[in-house]
Amino acid sequence: MMDQTAPATPQSYRTKVTREDWLKAARAALIDHGVDHVRILKLAQKLGVARSSFYWYFRDRDDLLDKLIAFWRGSNTADIVEHAERPAKHIVEAVLNIFECWTDKLRFDPKLDFAMRDWARRDPALQSLVHREDEIRVDAIRALFERHGYSHDEAFIRARIVYFMQIGYYSLSLEETMDQRLQHTTEYIYSFTGVHPDPGDIVRFQTFARSQSRTQR
């Protein structure tokens, strides 16, 4: 006969959950409602499990919030840096590599980025971290331009234009379809680089972006 006093395990609850399930639920709460809604009891109710199962994976709520921040840094910032460091034959290909970040939500999640910035407005320490992450992202794009022959100062300004234009795009929540955005790819590339892109490079990128848009619907 089962010992009724034995401690429960996550597998013994009505719904089996993992550490990643808790993190996904926390990210969803942060994105949809803000950090004040990232609460252990609310997440447990959402997942259909006992609150105590949370402590199999996290020390406390602060530990969970730290893991959310780490996830954001390890996905959104790391993704931009990785794309900026990819080998490219020329500056057009290099900037199109960066553009891939803006078309693949499984890599760079704009809603998560916006939620982190909203949270940071009320948390000075997090605000400082967000600023540092912005600097890391801009610096990676600056280095990209420098590798393709731009001076340090010009590379820095072009990197800021590329990056902050996109962050502003997300902040304004502009309502455009992927096709509407893609029809201006050539003009964006010329504005950011000063180089007229080869049509073949534009077509390849647009094909990739549309395929990502279809798979993420």
C-alpha atoms as a PDB file:
ATOM      1  CA  MET A   1       0.000   0.000   0.000  1.00  0.00           C
ATOM      2  CA  MET A   2       1.308   3.445  -0.905  1.00  0.00           C
ATOM      3  CA  ASP A   3       2.677   5.469   2.005  1.00  0.00           C
ATOM      4  CA  GLN A   4       0.281   8.410   2.270  1.00  0.00           C
ATOM      5  CA  THR A   5       2.954  10.464   4.042  1.00  0.00           C
ATOM      6  CA  ALA A   6       5.528  10.094   1.275  1.00  0.00           C
ATOM      7  CA  PRO A   7       6.532  13.386  -0.358  1.00  0.00           C
ATOM      8  CA  ALA A   8       4.935  14.052  -3.694  1.00  0.00           C
ATOM      9  CA  THR A   9       6.929  14.240  -6.869  1.00  0.00           C
ATOM     10  CA  PRO A  10       6.112  16.248 -10.007  1.00  0.00           C
ATOM     11  CA  GLN A  11       5.039  13.020 -11.720  1.00  0.00           C
ATOM     12  CA  SER A  12       2.367  12.326  -9.067  1.00  0.00           C
ATOM     13  CA  TYR A  13       0.293  15.405  -9.815  1.00  0.00           C
ATOM     14  CA  ARG A  14      -2.633  15.524 -12.183  1.00  0.00           C
ATOM     15  CA  THR A  15      -0.447  17.003 -14.900  1.00  0.00           C
ATOM     16  CA  LYS A  16       3.189  16.108 -15.346  1.00  0.00           C
ATOM     17  CA  VAL A  17       5.235  19.256 -15.824  1.00  0.00           C
ATOM     18  CA  THR A  18       8.891  19.967 -16.381  1.00  0.00           C
ATOM     19  CA  ARG A  19      11.165  22.867 -15.610  1.00  0.00           C
ATOM     20  CA  GLU A  20      10.693  24.052 -19.184  1.00  0.00           C
ATOM     21  CA  ASP A  21       6.909  23.981 -18.754  1.00  0.00           C
ATOM     22  CA  TRP A  22       7.233  26.377 -15.825  1.00  0.00           C
ATOM     23  CA  LEU A  23       9.563  28.621 -17.816  1.00  0.00           C
ATOM     24  CA  LYS A  24       7.237  28.646 -20.831  1.00  0.00           C
ATOM     25  CA  ALA A  25       4.289  29.534 -18.622  1.00  0.00           C
ATOM     26  CA  ALA A  26       6.319  32.290 -16.967  1.00  0.00           C
ATOM     27  CA  ARG A  27       7.379  33.728 -20.337  1.00  0.00           C
ATOM     28  CA  ALA A  28       3.791  33.690 -21.545  1.00  0.00           C
ATOM     29  CA  ALA A  29       2.616  35.484 -18.386  1.00  0.00           C
ATOM     30  CA  LEU A  30       5.385  38.060 -18.720  1.00  0.00           C
ATOM     31  CA  ILE A  31       4.579  38.718 -22.377  1.00  0.00           C
ATOM     32  CA  ASP A  32       0.801  38.766 -22.025  1.00  0.00           C
ATOM     33  CA  HIS A  33       0.359  40.510 -18.684  1.00  0.00           C
ATOM     34  CA  GLY A  34       3.668  41.801 -17.334  1.00  0.00           C
ATOM     35  CA  VAL A  35       6.028  40.741 -14.573  1.00  0.00           C
ATOM     36  CA  ASP A  36       3.473  41.296 -11.803  1.00  0.00           C
ATOM     37  CA  HIS A  37       1.561  38.298 -13.169  1.00  0.00           C
ATOM     38  CA  VAL A  38       4.576  36.003 -13.011  1.00  0.00           C
ATOM     39  CA  ARG A  39       3.426  34.477  -9.721  1.00  0.00           C
ATOM     40  CA  ILE A  40       3.933  30.928  -8.533  1.00  0.00           C
ATOM     41  CA  LEU A  41       0.294  30.293  -7.639  1.00  0.00           C
ATOM     42  CA  LYS A  42      -1.017  31.744 -10.897  1.00  0.00           C
ATOM     43  CA  LEU A  43       1.434  29.680 -12.926  1.00  0.00           C
ATOM     44  CA  ALA A  44       0.551  26.529 -10.981  1.00  0.00           C
ATOM     45  CA  GLN A  45      -3.138  27.112 -11.693  1.00  0.00           C
ATOM     46  CA  LYS A  46      -2.369  27.663 -15.366  1.00  0.00           C
ATOM     47  CA  LEU A  47      -0.365  24.453 -15.530  1.00  0.00           C
ATOM     48  CA  GLY A  48      -2.903  22.485 -13.466  1.00  0.00           C
ATOM     49  CA  VAL A  49      -0.404  21.390 -10.839  1.00  0.00           C
ATOM     50  CA  ALA A  50       0.189  21.873  -7.139  1.00  0.00           C
ATOM     51  CA  ARG A  51       2.148  24.974  -6.221  1.00  0.00           C
ATOM     52  CA  SER A  52       4.683  22.860  -4.352  1.00  0.00           C
ATOM     53  CA  SER A  53       5.904  21.290  -7.595  1.00  0.00           C
ATOM     54  CA  PHE A  54       7.479  24.648  -8.463  1.00  0.00           C
ATOM     55  CA  TYR A  55      10.146  24.077  -5.810  1.00  0.00           C
ATOM     56  CA  TRP A  56      11.441  20.966  -7.510  1.00  0.00           C
ATOM     57  CA  TYR A  57      12.934  23.265 -10.144  1.00  0.00           C
ATOM     58  CA  PHE A  58      13.372  26.740  -8.626  1.00  0.00           C
ATOM     59  CA  ARG A  59      14.404  28.112  -5.236  1.00  0.00           C
ATOM     60  CA  ASP A  60      11.807  30.891  -5.240  1.00  0.00           C
ATOM     61  CA  ARG A  61      10.150  33.478  -7.487  1.00  0.00           C
ATOM     62  CA  ASP A  62      13.345  35.520  -7.754  1.00  0.00           C
ATOM     63  CA  ASP A  63      15.147  32.453  -9.062  1.00  0.00           C
ATOM     64  CA  LEU A  64      12.450  32.052 -11.722  1.00  0.00           C
ATOM     65  CA  LEU A  65      12.742  35.724 -12.710  1.00  0.00           C
ATOM     66  CA  ASP A  66      16.521  35.361 -12.983  1.00  0.00           C
ATOM     67  CA  LYS A  67      15.994  32.376 -15.284  1.00  0.00           C
ATOM     68  CA  LEU A  68      13.653  34.458 -17.455  1.00  0.00           C
ATOM     69  CA  ILE A  69      16.291  37.147 -17.801  1.00  0.00           C
ATOM     70  CA  ALA A  70      18.934  34.552 -18.621  1.00  0.00           C
ATOM     71  CA  PHE A  71      16.679  33.019 -21.267  1.00  0.00           C
ATOM     72  CA  TRP A  72      16.104  36.438 -22.868  1.00  0.00           C
ATOM     73  CA  ARG A  73      19.823  37.175 -22.972  1.00  0.00           C
ATOM     74  CA  GLY A  74      20.626  33.697 -24.266  1.00  0.00           C
ATOM     75  CA  SER A  75      18.073  33.909 -27.044  1.00  0.00           C
ATOM     76  CA  ASN A  76      17.441  37.457 -28.254  1.00  0.00           C
ATOM     77  CA  THR A  77      20.897  38.944 -27.678  1.00  0.00           C
ATOM     78  CA  ALA A  78      22.804  35.783 -28.521  1.00  0.00           C
ATOM     79  CA  ASP A  79      20.827  35.406 -31.739  1.00  0.00           C
ATOM     80  CA  ILE A  80      21.761  38.865 -32.985  1.00  0.00           C
ATOM     81  CA  VAL A  81      25.420  38.341 -32.090  1.00  0.00           C
ATOM     82  CA  GLU A  82      25.478  34.938 -33.817  1.00  0.00           C
ATOM     83  CA  HIS A  83      23.916  36.326 -37.001  1.00  0.00           C
ATOM     84  CA  ALA A  84      26.250  39.330 -36.990  1.00  0.00           C
ATOM     85  CA  GLU A  85      29.281  37.035 -36.791  1.00  0.00           C
ATOM     86  CA  ARG A  86      28.244  34.771 -39.653  1.00  0.00           C
ATOM     87  CA  PRO A  87      30.608  34.746 -42.622  1.00  0.00           C
ATOM     88  CA  ALA A  88      29.376  36.888 -45.522  1.00  0.00           C
ATOM     89  CA  LYS A  89      30.776  37.579 -48.978  1.00  0.00           C
ATOM     90  CA  HIS A  90      29.787  41.255 -48.846  1.00  0.00           C
ATOM     91  CA  ILE A  91      27.984  43.807 -46.706  1.00  0.00           C
ATOM     92  CA  VAL A  92      24.595  43.138 -48.301  1.00  0.00           C
ATOM     93  CA  GLU A  93      24.732  39.472 -47.345  1.00  0.00           C
ATOM     94  CA  ALA A  94      25.980  40.420 -43.882  1.00  0.00           C
ATOM     95  CA  VAL A  95      23.065  42.773 -43.203  1.00  0.00           C
ATOM     96  CA  LEU A  96      20.571  40.287 -44.630  1.00  0.00           C
ATOM     97  CA  ASN A  97      21.932  37.824 -42.075  1.00  0.00           C
ATOM     98  CA  ILE A  98      20.878  40.314 -39.397  1.00  0.00           C
ATOM     99  CA  PHE A  99      17.495  40.702 -41.078  1.00  0.00           C
ATOM    100  CA  GLU A 100      16.911  36.988 -40.510  1.00  0.00           C
ATOM    101  CA  CYS A 101      16.631  37.761 -36.786  1.00  0.00           C
ATOM    102  CA  TRP A 102      13.602  39.939 -37.448  1.00  0.00           C
ATOM    103  CA  THR A 103      11.801  37.237 -39.432  1.00  0.00           C
ATOM    104  CA  ASP A 104      12.285  34.192 -37.183  1.00  0.00           C
ATOM    105  CA  LYS A 105      10.349  34.541 -33.919  1.00  0.00           C
ATOM    106  CA  LEU A 106      11.691  31.210 -32.727  1.00  0.00           C
ATOM    107  CA  ARG A 107      15.108  32.876 -32.521  1.00  0.00           C
ATOM    108  CA  PHE A 108      14.468  36.542 -31.738  1.00  0.00           C
ATOM    109  CA  ASP A 109      11.165  37.007 -29.928  1.00  0.00           C
ATOM    110  CA  PRO A 110      10.082  40.673 -30.243  1.00  0.00           C
ATOM    111  CA  LYS A 111       7.242  40.274 -27.757  1.00  0.00           C
ATOM    112  CA  LEU A 112       9.656  38.966 -25.138  1.00  0.00           C
ATOM    113  CA  ASP A 113      12.019  41.842 -25.866  1.00  0.00           C
ATOM    114  CA  PHE A 114       9.221  44.371 -25.434  1.00  0.00           C
ATOM    115  CA  ALA A 115       8.064  42.692 -22.204  1.00  0.00           C
ATOM    116  CA  MET A 116      11.582  42.860 -20.777  1.00  0.00           C
ATOM    117  CA  ARG A 117      11.808  46.573 -21.588  1.00  0.00           C
ATOM    118  CA  ASP A 118       8.449  47.199 -19.974  1.00  0.00           C
ATOM    119  CA  TRP A 119       9.580  45.338 -16.853  1.00  0.00           C
ATOM    120  CA  ALA A 120      12.850  47.304 -16.828  1.00  0.00           C
ATOM    121  CA  ARG A 121      11.024  50.630 -16.601  1.00  0.00           C
ATOM    122  CA  ARG A 122      10.218  49.769 -12.980  1.00  0.00           C
ATOM    123  CA  ASP A 123      13.462  47.999 -12.113  1.00  0.00           C
ATOM    124  CA  PRO A 124      16.641  50.146 -12.245  1.00  0.00           C
ATOM    125  CA  ALA A 125      18.964  47.148 -12.077  1.00  0.00           C
ATOM    126  CA  LEU A 126      17.199  45.459 -14.971  1.00  0.00           C
ATOM    127  CA  GLN A 127      17.147  48.744 -16.870  1.00  0.00           C
ATOM    128  CA  SER A 128      20.937  48.855 -16.644  1.00  0.00           C
ATOM    129  CA  LEU A 129      21.126  45.277 -17.888  1.00  0.00           C
ATOM    130  CA  VAL A 130      18.829  46.057 -20.832  1.00  0.00           C
ATOM    131  CA  HIS A 131      21.077  48.978 -21.767  1.00  0.00           C
ATOM    132  CA  ARG A 132      24.126  46.700 -21.642  1.00  0.00           C
ATOM    133  CA  GLU A 133      22.399  44.127 -23.836  1.00  0.00           C
ATOM    134  CA  ASP A 134      21.565  46.870 -26.335  1.00  0.00           C
ATOM    135  CA  GLU A 135      25.224  47.856 -26.363  1.00  0.00           C
ATOM    136  CA  ILE A 136      26.298  44.260 -26.966  1.00  0.00           C
ATOM    137  CA  ARG A 137      23.890  43.958 -29.895  1.00  0.00           C
ATOM    138  CA  VAL A 138      24.938  47.269 -31.449  1.00  0.00           C
ATOM    139  CA  ASP A 139      28.615  46.419 -30.995  1.00  0.00           C
ATOM    140  CA  ALA A 140      28.165  43.106 -32.802  1.00  0.00           C
ATOM    141  CA  ILE A 141      26.555  44.886 -35.750  1.00  0.00           C
ATOM    142  CA  ARG A 142      29.238  47.600 -35.670  1.00  0.00           C
ATOM    143  CA  ALA A 143      31.929  44.930 -35.934  1.00  0.00           C
ATOM    144  CA  LEU A 144      30.063  43.491 -38.920  1.00  0.00           C
ATOM    145  CA  PHE A 145      30.277  46.809 -40.768  1.00  0.00           C
ATOM    146  CA  GLU A 146      33.930  47.246 -39.850  1.00  0.00           C
ATOM    147  CA  ARG A 147      34.786  43.828 -41.269  1.00  0.00           C
ATOM    148  CA  HIS A 148      33.363  45.018 -44.568  1.00  0.00           C
ATOM    149  CA  GLY A 149      35.495  48.139 -44.789  1.00  0.00           C
ATOM    150  CA  TYR A 150      33.529  50.840 -42.979  1.00  0.00           C
ATOM    151  CA  SER A 151      35.396  53.133 -40.592  1.00  0.00           C
ATOM    152  CA  HIS A 152      34.831  52.696 -36.884  1.00  0.00           C
ATOM    153  CA  ASP A 153      32.648  55.787 -36.527  1.00  0.00           C
ATOM    154  CA  GLU A 154      30.587  55.102 -39.631  1.00  0.00           C
ATOM    155  CA  ALA A 155      30.170  51.460 -38.659  1.00  0.00           C
ATOM    156  CA  PHE A 156      28.939  52.508 -35.209  1.00  0.00           C
ATOM    157  CA  ILE A 157      26.329  54.907 -36.575  1.00  0.00           C
ATOM    158  CA  ARG A 158      25.111  52.471 -39.226  1.00  0.00           C
ATOM    159  CA  ALA A 159      24.838  49.747 -36.591  1.00  0.00           C
ATOM    160  CA  ARG A 160      22.740  51.998 -34.371  1.00  0.00           C
ATOM    161  CA  ILE A 161      20.474  52.877 -37.290  1.00  0.00           C
ATOM    162  CA  VAL A 162      19.949  49.219 -38.195  1.00  0.00           C
ATOM    163  CA  TYR A 163      19.316  48.125 -34.629  1.00  0.00           C
ATOM    164  CA  PHE A 164      17.309  50.983 -33.167  1.00  0.00           C
ATOM    165  CA  MET A 165      15.132  51.248 -36.261  1.00  0.00           C
ATOM    166  CA  GLN A 166      14.040  47.663 -35.690  1.00  0.00           C
ATOM    167  CA  ILE A 167      13.518  48.105 -31.940  1.00  0.00           C
ATOM    168  CA  GLY A 168      11.451  51.208 -32.696  1.00  0.00           C
ATOM    169  CA  TYR A 169       9.467  49.223 -35.232  1.00  0.00           C
ATOM    170  CA  TYR A 170       8.526  46.743 -32.525  1.00  0.00           C
ATOM    171  CA  SER A 171       7.807  49.452 -29.950  1.00  0.00           C
ATOM    172  CA  LEU A 172       5.365  51.201 -32.282  1.00  0.00           C
ATOM    173  CA  SER A 173       3.600  47.906 -33.031  1.00  0.00           C
ATOM    174  CA  LEU A 174       3.308  48.789 -36.697  1.00  0.00           C
ATOM    175  CA  GLU A 175       0.657  46.735 -38.443  1.00  0.00           C
ATOM    176  CA  GLU A 176       2.265  45.303 -41.558  1.00  0.00           C
ATOM    177  CA  THR A 177       2.144  41.890 -43.128  1.00  0.00           C
ATOM    178  CA  MET A 178       5.373  40.101 -43.930  1.00  0.00           C
ATOM    179  CA  ASP A 179       4.803  40.761 -47.634  1.00  0.00           C
ATOM    180  CA  GLN A 180       4.373  44.472 -46.967  1.00  0.00           C
ATOM    181  CA  ARG A 181       7.641  44.573 -45.080  1.00  0.00           C
ATOM    182  CA  LEU A 182       9.522  42.531 -47.633  1.00  0.00           C
ATOM    183  CA  GLN A 183       8.592  44.708 -50.571  1.00  0.00           C
ATOM    184  CA  HIS A 184      10.912  47.394 -49.140  1.00  0.00           C
ATOM    185  CA  THR A 185      13.911  45.116 -48.560  1.00  0.00           C
ATOM    186  CA  THR A 186      15.977  46.605 -51.381  1.00  0.00           C
ATOM    187  CA  GLU A 187      15.432  50.144 -50.119  1.00  0.00           C
ATOM    188  CA  TYR A 188      16.216  49.191 -46.535  1.00  0.00           C
ATOM    189  CA  ILE A 189      19.466  47.542 -47.575  1.00  0.00           C
ATOM    190  CA  TYR A 190      20.537  50.547 -49.627  1.00  0.00           C
ATOM    191  CA  SER A 191      19.639  52.945 -46.810  1.00  0.00           C
ATOM    192  CA  PHE A 192      21.553  50.928 -44.214  1.00  0.00           C
ATOM    193  CA  THR A 193      24.650  50.136 -46.287  1.00  0.00           C
ATOM    194  CA  GLY A 194      24.888  52.692 -49.095  1.00  0.00           C
ATOM    195  CA  VAL A 195      25.179  49.742 -51.501  1.00  0.00           C
ATOM    196  CA  HIS A 196      22.700  48.748 -54.204  1.00  0.00           C
ATOM    197  CA  PRO A 197      21.994  45.057 -53.560  1.00  0.00           C
ATOM    198  CA  ASP A 198      22.007  42.364 -56.194  1.00  0.00           C
ATOM    199  CA  PRO A 199      18.393  41.300 -56.912  1.00  0.00           C
ATOM    200  CA  GLY A 200      19.353  37.657 -56.420  1.00  0.00           C
ATOM    201  CA  ASP A 201      20.387  38.303 -52.808  1.00  0.00           C
ATOM    202  CA  ILE A 202      17.086  40.052 -52.137  1.00  0.00           C
ATOM    203  CA  VAL A 203      15.043  37.217 -53.647  1.00  0.00           C
ATOM    204  CA  ARG A 204      16.897  34.602 -51.586  1.00  0.00           C
ATOM    205  CA  PHE A 205      16.255  36.522 -48.381  1.00  0.00           C
ATOM    206  CA  GLN A 206      12.596  37.138 -49.206  1.00  0.00           C
ATOM    207  CA  THR A 207      12.095  33.433 -49.938  1.00  0.00           C
ATOM    208  CA  PHE A 208      13.611  32.568 -46.570  1.00  0.00           C
ATOM    209  CA  ALA A 209      11.516  35.166 -44.723  1.00  0.00           C
ATOM    210  CA  ARG A 210       8.254  33.994 -46.300  1.00  0.00           C
ATOM    211  CA  SER A 211       9.048  30.383 -45.440  1.00  0.00           C
ATOM    212  CA  GLN A 212       9.618  31.386 -41.804  1.00  0.00           C
ATOM    213  CA  SER A 213       6.376  33.340 -41.754  1.00  0.00           C
ATOM    214  CA  ARG A 214       4.390  30.346 -43.025  1.00  0.00           C
ATOM    215  CA  THR A 215       5.896  27.885 -40.537  1.00  0.00           C
ATOM    216  CA  GLN A 216       5.201  30.186 -37.565  1.00  0.00           C
ATOM    217  CA  ARG A 217       1.520  30.846 -38.226  1.00  0.00           C
END
